[in-house]
Amino acid sequence: EIQQQRAAQKLIYTFNQVKPQTIPYTPRFLEVFLIYCHSANQWLTIEKYMTGEFRKYNNNNGDEITPTNTLEELMLAFSHWTYEYTRGELLVLDLQ
């Protein structure tokens, strides 16, 4: 999970560098941390808790919303771009 998150972070960084500057959004991913819980003898991943309402743009099956604004179009374009940019090696999905 950590490796997937780091790969997605690197991809979104590159995407933000190459997207047109006229697009007013700069998407990002939360940092994920790996911790070891000695009492449970278990590794855990944690991330910052965020409040509010969230919009899911696509899921792990590739189902996606019908975009109705620039932000939604951008998020779906990012998923497609990850596949093209990595020559089919990676596809970032489950975007919220």
N, C-alpha and C. Protein backbone atom coordinates (compact mmCIF):
# COMPACT_ATOMS: atom_id res chain seq x y z
N GLU A 1 0.82 -1.20 0.00
CA GLU A 1 0.00 0.00 0.00
C GLU A 1 0.86 1.26 0.00
N ILE A 2 1.93 1.25 0.78
CA ILE A 2 2.81 2.42 0.83
C ILE A 2 3.46 2.64 -0.54
N GLN A 3 3.93 1.58 -1.17
CA GLN A 3 4.56 1.73 -2.48
C GLN A 3 3.58 2.26 -3.52
N GLN A 4 2.34 1.80 -3.46
CA GLN A 4 1.33 2.29 -4.38
C GLN A 4 1.07 3.77 -4.16
N GLN A 5 0.98 4.16 -2.90
CA GLN A 5 0.74 5.57 -2.58
C GLN A 5 1.89 6.45 -3.05
N ARG A 6 3.11 5.99 -2.83
CA ARG A 6 4.28 6.77 -3.26
C ARG A 6 4.33 6.89 -4.79
N ALA A 7 4.00 5.81 -5.48
CA ALA A 7 3.97 5.86 -6.95
C ALA A 7 2.91 6.86 -7.41
N ALA A 8 1.74 6.84 -6.78
CA ALA A 8 0.68 7.78 -7.14
C ALA A 8 1.11 9.22 -6.85
N GLN A 9 1.82 9.44 -5.75
CA GLN A 9 2.30 10.78 -5.41
C GLN A 9 3.29 11.29 -6.46
N LYS A 10 4.18 10.43 -6.89
CA LYS A 10 5.15 10.83 -7.92
C LYS A 10 4.44 11.15 -9.23
N LEU A 11 3.44 10.34 -9.56
CA LEU A 11 2.70 10.57 -10.80
C LEU A 11 1.90 11.87 -10.74
N ILE A 12 1.25 12.15 -9.62
CA ILE A 12 0.46 13.38 -9.54
C ILE A 12 1.38 14.60 -9.56
N TYR A 13 2.58 14.47 -9.00
CA TYR A 13 3.54 15.57 -9.05
C TYR A 13 3.90 15.88 -10.51
N THR A 14 4.22 14.84 -11.27
CA THR A 14 4.58 15.03 -12.68
C THR A 14 3.39 15.56 -13.47
N PHE A 15 2.22 14.99 -13.22
CA PHE A 15 1.00 15.44 -13.90
C PHE A 15 0.76 16.93 -13.67
N ASN A 16 0.92 17.38 -12.44
CA ASN A 16 0.72 18.79 -12.13
C ASN A 16 1.74 19.69 -12.82
N GLN A 17 2.92 19.15 -13.11
CA GLN A 17 3.95 19.92 -13.81
C GLN A 17 3.62 20.08 -15.30
N VAL A 18 2.97 19.08 -15.88
CA VAL A 18 2.73 19.09 -17.33
C VAL A 18 1.32 19.53 -17.72
N LYS A 19 0.40 19.57 -16.78
CA LYS A 19 -0.96 19.99 -17.13
C LYS A 19 -0.96 21.48 -17.47
N PRO A 20 -1.90 21.92 -18.29
CA PRO A 20 -1.95 23.34 -18.64
C PRO A 20 -2.09 24.22 -17.39
N GLN A 21 -1.36 25.31 -17.37
CA GLN A 21 -1.40 26.22 -16.22
C GLN A 21 -2.75 26.91 -16.09
N THR A 22 -3.56 26.87 -17.13
CA THR A 22 -4.88 27.48 -17.08
C THR A 22 -5.87 26.69 -16.22
N ILE A 23 -5.53 25.44 -15.92
CA ILE A 23 -6.39 24.63 -15.06
C ILE A 23 -6.12 25.04 -13.62
N PRO A 24 -7.15 25.51 -12.90
CA PRO A 24 -6.93 26.10 -11.58
C PRO A 24 -6.78 25.10 -10.44
N TYR A 25 -6.70 23.83 -10.72
CA TYR A 25 -6.62 22.81 -9.67
C TYR A 25 -5.26 22.13 -9.68
N THR A 26 -4.80 21.80 -8.48
CA THR A 26 -3.55 21.06 -8.32
C THR A 26 -3.82 19.89 -7.38
N PRO A 27 -4.28 18.76 -7.93
CA PRO A 27 -4.61 17.62 -7.06
C PRO A 27 -3.37 17.09 -6.34
N ARG A 28 -3.61 16.43 -5.22
CA ARG A 28 -2.53 15.83 -4.45
C ARG A 28 -3.07 14.62 -3.70
N PHE A 29 -2.15 13.83 -3.18
CA PHE A 29 -2.50 12.68 -2.36
C PHE A 29 -2.02 12.92 -0.94
N LEU A 30 -2.74 12.37 0.01
CA LEU A 30 -2.32 12.45 1.40
C LEU A 30 -1.06 11.61 1.61
N GLU A 31 -0.24 12.04 2.54
CA GLU A 31 0.91 11.23 2.94
C GLU A 31 0.42 10.02 3.73
N VAL A 32 1.00 8.88 3.48
CA VAL A 32 0.70 7.66 4.22
C VAL A 32 1.96 7.25 4.97
N PHE A 33 1.78 6.83 6.20
CA PHE A 33 2.92 6.45 7.03
C PHE A 33 2.78 5.01 7.49
N LEU A 34 3.89 4.35 7.61
CA LEU A 34 3.95 2.98 8.08
C LEU A 34 4.46 2.99 9.51
N ILE A 35 3.70 2.38 10.42
CA ILE A 35 4.14 2.30 11.82
C ILE A 35 4.04 0.86 12.29
N TYR A 36 4.84 0.55 13.28
CA TYR A 36 4.82 -0.79 13.85
C TYR A 36 4.24 -0.70 15.25
N CYS A 37 3.22 -1.49 15.53
CA CYS A 37 2.59 -1.55 16.84
C CYS A 37 3.15 -2.76 17.58
N HIS A 38 4.05 -2.49 18.54
CA HIS A 38 4.71 -3.59 19.26
C HIS A 38 3.71 -4.45 20.02
N SER A 39 2.73 -3.83 20.68
CA SER A 39 1.79 -4.60 21.50
C SER A 39 0.95 -5.56 20.66
N ALA A 40 0.69 -5.20 19.42
CA ALA A 40 -0.10 -6.06 18.53
C ALA A 40 0.79 -6.87 17.59
N ASN A 41 2.11 -6.58 17.62
CA ASN A 41 3.05 -7.24 16.72
C ASN A 41 2.57 -7.14 15.27
N GLN A 42 2.24 -5.90 14.87
CA GLN A 42 1.61 -5.69 13.57
C GLN A 42 2.04 -4.36 12.96
N TRP A 43 2.22 -4.37 11.64
CA TRP A 43 2.49 -3.14 10.90
C TRP A 43 1.16 -2.51 10.51
N LEU A 44 1.10 -1.18 10.57
CA LEU A 44 -0.12 -0.45 10.24
C LEU A 44 0.22 0.72 9.32
N THR A 45 -0.72 1.09 8.48
CA THR A 45 -0.57 2.31 7.70
C THR A 45 -1.55 3.33 8.26
N ILE A 46 -1.10 4.58 8.33
CA ILE A 46 -1.96 5.65 8.83
C ILE A 46 -1.86 6.85 7.91
N GLU A 47 -2.90 7.65 7.91
CA GLU A 47 -2.91 8.91 7.18
C GLU A 47 -3.76 9.90 7.96
N LYS A 48 -3.61 11.15 7.65
CA LYS A 48 -4.35 12.21 8.33
C LYS A 48 -5.85 12.02 8.11
N TYR A 49 -6.61 12.20 9.18
CA TYR A 49 -8.07 12.13 9.08
C TYR A 49 -8.59 13.44 8.51
N MET A 50 -9.44 13.33 7.52
CA MET A 50 -10.01 14.53 6.91
C MET A 50 -11.52 14.50 7.06
N THR A 51 -12.07 15.63 7.42
CA THR A 51 -13.52 15.74 7.55
C THR A 51 -14.10 16.35 6.28
N GLY A 52 -15.40 16.26 6.16
CA GLY A 52 -16.07 16.88 5.03
C GLY A 52 -16.68 15.86 4.10
N GLU A 53 -17.23 16.36 3.03
CA GLU A 53 -17.84 15.50 2.02
C GLU A 53 -16.83 15.28 0.89
N PHE A 54 -16.83 14.07 0.37
CA PHE A 54 -15.88 13.73 -0.68
C PHE A 54 -16.63 13.20 -1.89
N ARG A 55 -16.09 13.47 -3.03
CA ARG A 55 -16.65 13.00 -4.30
C ARG A 55 -15.75 11.90 -4.82
N LYS A 56 -16.34 10.75 -5.12
CA LYS A 56 -15.57 9.65 -5.69
C LYS A 56 -15.64 9.77 -7.21
N TYR A 57 -14.47 9.87 -7.86
CA TYR A 57 -14.42 10.08 -9.30
C TYR A 57 -14.40 8.77 -10.07
N ASN A 58 -13.75 7.76 -9.52
CA ASN A 58 -13.75 6.44 -10.14
C ASN A 58 -13.46 5.40 -9.06
N ASN A 59 -13.59 4.12 -9.41
CA ASN A 59 -13.33 3.07 -8.43
C ASN A 59 -12.32 2.07 -8.98
N ASN A 60 -12.04 1.05 -8.19
CA ASN A 60 -11.02 0.07 -8.59
C ASN A 60 -11.43 -0.78 -9.79
N ASN A 61 -12.71 -0.79 -10.11
CA ASN A 61 -13.19 -1.54 -11.27
C ASN A 61 -13.11 -0.73 -12.55
N GLY A 62 -12.77 0.55 -12.42
CA GLY A 62 -12.70 1.41 -13.59
C GLY A 62 -13.99 2.16 -13.87
N ASP A 63 -15.03 1.92 -13.05
CA ASP A 63 -16.26 2.70 -13.20
C ASP A 63 -15.95 4.14 -12.83
N GLU A 64 -16.55 5.08 -13.54
CA GLU A 64 -16.28 6.48 -13.26
C GLU A 64 -17.54 7.31 -13.39
N ILE A 65 -17.49 8.49 -12.80
CA ILE A 65 -18.61 9.41 -12.88
C ILE A 65 -18.68 10.01 -14.28
N THR A 66 -19.78 10.60 -14.60
CA THR A 66 -19.88 11.42 -15.81
C THR A 66 -19.49 12.83 -15.38
N PRO A 67 -18.38 13.34 -15.88
CA PRO A 67 -17.90 14.64 -15.39
C PRO A 67 -18.84 15.78 -15.77
N THR A 68 -19.01 16.70 -14.81
CA THR A 68 -19.88 17.85 -15.04
C THR A 68 -19.14 19.17 -14.83
N ASN A 69 -17.85 19.10 -14.48
CA ASN A 69 -17.09 20.33 -14.29
C ASN A 69 -15.60 20.06 -14.53
N THR A 70 -14.81 21.11 -14.50
CA THR A 70 -13.38 21.01 -14.81
C THR A 70 -12.64 20.11 -13.85
N LEU A 71 -12.95 20.19 -12.55
CA LEU A 71 -12.26 19.35 -11.58
C LEU A 71 -12.52 17.87 -11.85
N GLU A 72 -13.75 17.52 -12.11
CA GLU A 72 -14.08 16.12 -12.39
C GLU A 72 -13.39 15.64 -13.67
N GLU A 73 -13.37 16.48 -14.69
CA GLU A 73 -12.66 16.13 -15.92
C GLU A 73 -11.17 15.94 -15.66
N LEU A 74 -10.60 16.80 -14.83
CA LEU A 74 -9.17 16.72 -14.52
C LEU A 74 -8.84 15.42 -13.81
N MET A 75 -9.65 15.03 -12.85
CA MET A 75 -9.36 13.81 -12.09
C MET A 75 -9.45 12.57 -12.98
N LEU A 76 -10.44 12.54 -13.86
CA LEU A 76 -10.54 11.40 -14.78
C LEU A 76 -9.41 11.42 -15.80
N ALA A 77 -9.02 12.62 -16.22
CA ALA A 77 -7.88 12.74 -17.15
C ALA A 77 -6.61 12.24 -16.48
N PHE A 78 -6.45 12.52 -15.19
CA PHE A 78 -5.26 12.05 -14.48
C PHE A 78 -5.19 10.52 -14.51
N SER A 79 -6.29 9.85 -14.23
CA SER A 79 -6.28 8.38 -14.28
C SER A 79 -5.84 7.89 -15.65
N HIS A 80 -6.43 8.44 -16.69
CA HIS A 80 -6.06 8.04 -18.05
C HIS A 80 -4.59 8.35 -18.32
N TRP A 81 -4.15 9.53 -17.91
CA TRP A 81 -2.77 9.96 -18.12
C TRP A 81 -1.79 9.00 -17.46
N THR A 82 -2.11 8.50 -16.26
CA THR A 82 -1.17 7.58 -15.58
C THR A 82 -0.93 6.33 -16.41
N TYR A 83 -1.97 5.84 -17.05
CA TYR A 83 -1.84 4.66 -17.89
C TYR A 83 -0.97 4.96 -19.11
N GLU A 84 -1.23 6.08 -19.76
CA GLU A 84 -0.47 6.47 -20.94
C GLU A 84 0.98 6.79 -20.58
N TYR A 85 1.18 7.55 -19.52
CA TYR A 85 2.52 7.99 -19.12
C TYR A 85 3.41 6.81 -18.75
N THR A 86 2.83 5.79 -18.12
CA THR A 86 3.61 4.62 -17.70
C THR A 86 3.58 3.51 -18.75
N ARG A 87 3.08 3.84 -19.93
CA ARG A 87 2.98 2.88 -21.04
C ARG A 87 2.26 1.59 -20.64
N GLY A 88 1.16 1.78 -19.90
CA GLY A 88 0.33 0.65 -19.52
C GLY A 88 0.78 -0.09 -18.28
N GLU A 89 1.84 0.36 -17.63
CA GLU A 89 2.34 -0.34 -16.44
C GLU A 89 1.50 -0.04 -15.20
N LEU A 90 1.00 1.19 -15.09
CA LEU A 90 0.23 1.60 -13.91
C LEU A 90 -1.04 2.31 -14.33
N LEU A 91 -2.04 2.21 -13.48
CA LEU A 91 -3.29 2.94 -13.66
C LEU A 91 -3.77 3.34 -12.28
N VAL A 92 -3.79 4.62 -12.01
CA VAL A 92 -4.23 5.11 -10.69
C VAL A 92 -5.74 5.27 -10.73
N LEU A 93 -6.41 4.54 -9.83
CA LEU A 93 -7.86 4.54 -9.73
C LEU A 93 -8.30 4.81 -8.30
N ASP A 94 -9.58 4.73 -8.08
CA ASP A 94 -10.19 4.92 -6.76
C ASP A 94 -9.92 6.33 -6.24
N LEU A 95 -10.07 7.30 -7.13
CA LEU A 95 -9.79 8.69 -6.79
C LEU A 95 -10.99 9.33 -6.10
N GLN A 96 -10.69 10.07 -5.05
CA GLN A 96 -11.72 10.81 -4.30
C GLN A 96 -11.27 12.23 -4.12
